[in-house]
Amino acid sequence: MFKPAASLTVDNASQTLAAGLQAIAAGQVSIDLSAVATVDSSAVATLLAWQRAAKSRGVTLQLGTLPANLQSLADLYGASALLGAPTSASDRHY
C-alpha cells in the first residue's frame, strides 16, 4: 500500500503525485494517508489527480480516513465527495 510522507505541500506535491501515480499504475487501489500531518491546497489537488488516474484504470481508489486538516481543506474546496470522503456536514448530528 502506498503511504505518502508526513508532509504533502507545494514543496513536495510533484514528487508525491508521481509516486502515487506509479503505485496506481502498479495496481495499488488504496493509499494510506495516516502519516500525513502537514498539508496545503496542493494535497487536495494531488488526491484528486490520483482519483482521476484510478478512475481511468477502471478502479476506485480508497483513501481511508483523511487526517482532520486534509478533511477540512477538502470540505472547504467542496472536494470531499470527489475524494470519496465524508463531508463535515454529513458527520454532524443535531
Protein backbone atom coordinates (compact mmCIF):
# COMPACT_ATOMS: atom_id res chain seq x y z
CA MET A 1 0.00 0.00 0.00
CA PHE A 2 1.31 3.42 -0.95
CA LYS A 3 1.86 5.70 2.05
CA PRO A 4 2.89 9.33 1.44
CA ALA A 5 5.29 11.12 3.77
CA ALA A 6 4.17 13.31 6.67
CA SER A 7 4.09 16.43 4.51
CA LEU A 8 2.03 16.91 1.38
CA THR A 9 2.51 20.53 0.38
CA VAL A 10 3.55 22.50 -2.68
CA ASP A 11 7.17 21.73 -1.75
CA ASN A 12 6.81 18.01 -2.47
CA ALA A 13 3.46 17.65 -4.27
CA SER A 14 5.04 16.95 -7.64
CA GLN A 15 7.17 14.09 -6.33
CA THR A 16 4.34 12.70 -4.19
CA LEU A 17 1.94 12.89 -7.12
CA ALA A 18 4.37 10.96 -9.33
CA ALA A 19 4.97 8.29 -6.67
CA GLY A 20 1.24 7.83 -6.14
CA LEU A 21 0.61 7.60 -9.89
CA GLN A 22 3.29 4.91 -10.13
CA ALA A 23 1.65 2.99 -7.30
CA ILE A 24 -1.75 3.22 -9.02
CA ALA A 25 -0.24 2.11 -12.34
CA ALA A 26 1.29 -0.87 -10.49
CA GLY A 27 -2.17 -1.90 -9.30
CA GLN A 28 -2.48 -0.21 -5.90
CA VAL A 29 -6.11 0.53 -5.06
CA SER A 30 -5.64 2.14 -1.65
CA ILE A 31 -3.49 4.90 -0.25
CA ASP A 32 -2.71 5.18 3.45
CA LEU A 33 -2.82 8.85 4.46
CA SER A 34 -2.46 8.21 8.19
CA ALA A 35 1.07 9.66 8.36
CA VAL A 36 0.18 12.89 6.53
CA ALA A 37 0.34 15.71 9.06
CA THR A 38 1.17 18.86 7.08
CA VAL A 39 -0.96 19.83 4.08
CA ASP A 40 -1.90 22.71 1.87
CA SER A 41 -4.21 23.03 -1.11
CA SER A 42 -1.82 21.05 -3.31
CA ALA A 43 -2.65 17.99 -1.19
CA VAL A 44 -6.27 18.15 -2.33
CA ALA A 45 -5.16 18.58 -5.94
CA THR A 46 -2.84 15.57 -5.59
CA LEU A 47 -5.61 13.36 -4.20
CA LEU A 48 -7.96 14.42 -6.98
CA ALA A 49 -5.31 13.58 -9.59
CA TRP A 50 -4.86 10.14 -8.01
CA GLN A 51 -8.63 9.59 -8.09
CA ARG A 52 -8.73 10.55 -11.79
CA ALA A 53 -5.84 8.18 -12.57
CA ALA A 54 -7.52 5.31 -10.74
CA LYS A 55 -10.85 6.00 -12.45
CA SER A 56 -9.15 5.99 -15.85
CA ARG A 57 -7.87 2.49 -14.99
CA GLY A 58 -11.40 1.43 -14.07
CA VAL A 59 -10.79 1.15 -10.33
CA THR A 60 -12.00 3.02 -7.29
CA LEU A 61 -9.19 4.39 -5.17
CA GLN A 62 -9.65 4.01 -1.41
CA LEU A 63 -8.14 6.85 0.63
CA GLY A 64 -9.41 5.77 4.02
CA THR A 65 -9.96 8.35 6.72
CA LEU A 66 -8.45 11.69 5.84
CA PRO A 67 -6.42 13.49 8.52
CA ALA A 68 -8.52 16.27 10.05
CA ASN A 69 -6.57 19.11 8.42
CA LEU A 70 -6.85 17.49 4.99
CA GLN A 71 -10.55 16.77 5.52
CA SER A 72 -11.03 20.43 6.43
CA LEU A 73 -9.39 21.55 3.18
CA ALA A 74 -11.40 19.04 1.15
CA ASP A 75 -14.59 20.36 2.77
CA LEU A 76 -13.54 23.96 2.13
CA TYR A 77 -12.99 23.29 -1.57
CA GLY A 78 -16.12 21.15 -1.90
CA ALA A 79 -13.99 18.15 -2.92
CA SER A 80 -14.87 15.64 -0.19
CA ALA A 81 -17.42 13.79 -2.29
CA LEU A 82 -14.96 13.61 -5.19
CA LEU A 83 -12.38 12.09 -2.88
CA GLY A 84 -14.83 9.56 -1.52
CA ALA A 85 -14.53 11.14 1.90
CA PRO A 86 -17.45 12.15 4.11
CA THR A 87 -18.16 15.85 4.38
CA SER A 88 -18.11 17.53 7.74
CA ALA A 89 -21.77 18.44 7.29
CA SER A 90 -22.75 14.80 6.96
CA ASP A 91 -20.91 13.99 10.17
CA ARG A 92 -22.89 16.48 12.22
CA HIS A 93 -25.71 15.27 14.42
CA TYR A 94 -28.29 17.82 15.51
